[in-house]
Protein backbone atom coordinates (compact mmCIF):
# COMPACT_ATOMS: atom_id res chain seq x y z
CA MET A 1 -10.97 23.29 -19.58
CA ALA A 2 -9.06 20.78 -17.60
CA LYS A 3 -11.19 18.44 -15.50
CA TYR A 4 -9.96 18.05 -11.90
CA LYS A 5 -10.24 14.62 -10.46
CA THR A 6 -11.89 14.05 -7.06
CA GLU A 7 -10.21 12.20 -4.26
CA LYS A 8 -12.57 9.30 -5.02
CA GLU A 9 -11.20 9.15 -8.56
CA ILE A 10 -7.53 9.58 -7.54
CA LEU A 11 -7.50 6.66 -5.02
CA PRO A 12 -7.70 3.83 -7.56
CA ILE A 13 -5.18 5.59 -9.72
CA LYS A 14 -2.68 5.72 -6.83
CA LEU A 15 -3.40 2.03 -6.09
CA CYS A 16 -2.75 1.03 -9.67
CA LYS A 17 0.41 3.16 -9.98
CA GLY A 18 1.78 1.66 -6.82
CA LEU A 19 1.02 -1.85 -7.84
CA VAL A 20 2.54 -1.31 -11.27
CA GLU A 21 5.75 -0.08 -9.60
CA ILE A 22 5.86 -3.22 -7.52
CA CYS A 23 5.31 -5.36 -10.64
CA ASP A 24 8.15 -3.42 -12.37
CA ARG A 25 10.37 -4.09 -9.45
CA ILE A 26 9.68 -7.83 -9.55
CA ASN A 27 10.17 -7.90 -13.34
CA ARG A 28 13.58 -6.28 -12.90
CA GLY A 29 14.47 -8.94 -10.30
CA GLU A 30 14.31 -6.45 -7.43
CA PRO A 31 12.46 -6.96 -4.16
CA ALA A 32 8.76 -6.06 -4.31
CA TYR A 33 9.18 -3.72 -1.40
CA LEU A 34 12.15 -2.28 0.49
CA VAL A 35 12.43 -4.39 3.65
CA ASN A 36 14.54 -2.13 5.79
CA ASP A 37 13.20 1.17 4.45
CA SER A 38 10.97 3.46 6.54
CA GLN A 39 8.53 3.48 3.61
CA PRO A 40 8.82 -0.01 2.04
CA PHE A 41 6.10 0.54 -0.58
CA PRO A 42 6.05 2.89 -3.61
CA GLN A 43 4.91 6.40 -2.73
CA PRO A 44 1.56 6.25 -4.63
CA LEU A 45 0.68 2.88 -2.95
CA HIS A 46 1.72 4.27 0.48
CA GLU A 47 -0.57 7.32 -0.07
CA ALA A 48 -3.42 5.13 -1.22
CA PHE A 49 -3.11 2.92 1.86
CA GLU A 50 -3.16 5.96 4.05
CA GLN A 51 -6.30 7.27 2.42
CA LEU A 52 -7.95 3.87 2.70
CA SER A 53 -7.01 3.64 6.35
CA ILE A 54 -8.54 7.01 7.08
CA LYS A 55 -11.75 6.09 5.13
CA TRP A 56 -11.88 2.78 6.97
CA ILE A 57 -11.42 4.29 10.42
CA LEU A 58 -13.94 7.01 9.78
CA ARG A 59 -16.71 4.87 8.37
CA ASN A 60 -18.08 4.05 11.85
CA GLY A 61 -15.95 6.14 14.18
CA LYS A 62 -14.25 3.09 15.69
CA MET A 63 -10.69 2.10 15.09
CA ARG A 64 -10.56 -1.69 14.73
CA HIS A 65 -6.90 -1.68 13.55
CA ALA A 66 -4.48 1.07 13.56
CA SER A 67 -4.29 1.17 9.78
CA ILE A 68 -4.35 -0.92 6.63
CA LEU A 69 -0.51 -0.53 6.51
CA ASN A 70 -0.24 -2.24 9.83
CA LEU A 71 -2.39 -5.05 8.49
CA VAL A 72 -0.21 -5.34 5.37
CA GLU A 73 2.92 -5.36 7.56
CA LYS A 74 1.50 -8.07 9.75
CA ALA A 75 0.57 -10.15 6.72
CA ARG A 76 4.08 -9.69 5.27
CA HIS A 77 5.62 -10.89 8.57
CA SER A 78 3.28 -13.87 8.61
CA VAL A 79 4.33 -14.78 4.98
CA GLU A 80 8.02 -14.31 5.71
CA THR A 81 7.80 -16.68 8.68
CA VAL A 82 6.71 -19.36 6.27
CA GLU A 83 8.59 -18.20 3.21
CA PRO A 84 11.68 -16.17 4.16
CA ASP A 85 12.56 -15.26 0.56
CA PHE A 86 9.15 -13.67 -0.07
CA CYS A 87 10.40 -10.07 -0.32
């Protein structure tokens, strides 16, 4: 019988797949993420960020930040201010 993975097991897999896609892009000389795209990160990484955001928000019922994606976006803008060619 096939063993079905739980959401807890799938999250690290999505993170790894997304990070591998980013590494592949970099190795091909492409940007790590798509700057002007509505979804700049690979789909598995985007889904993992969303899951982490929900878990983080629900852990104590208070929303400290809108989402992890917003934190990543803010960090990216901060880095690009210092190093414009970062993407």
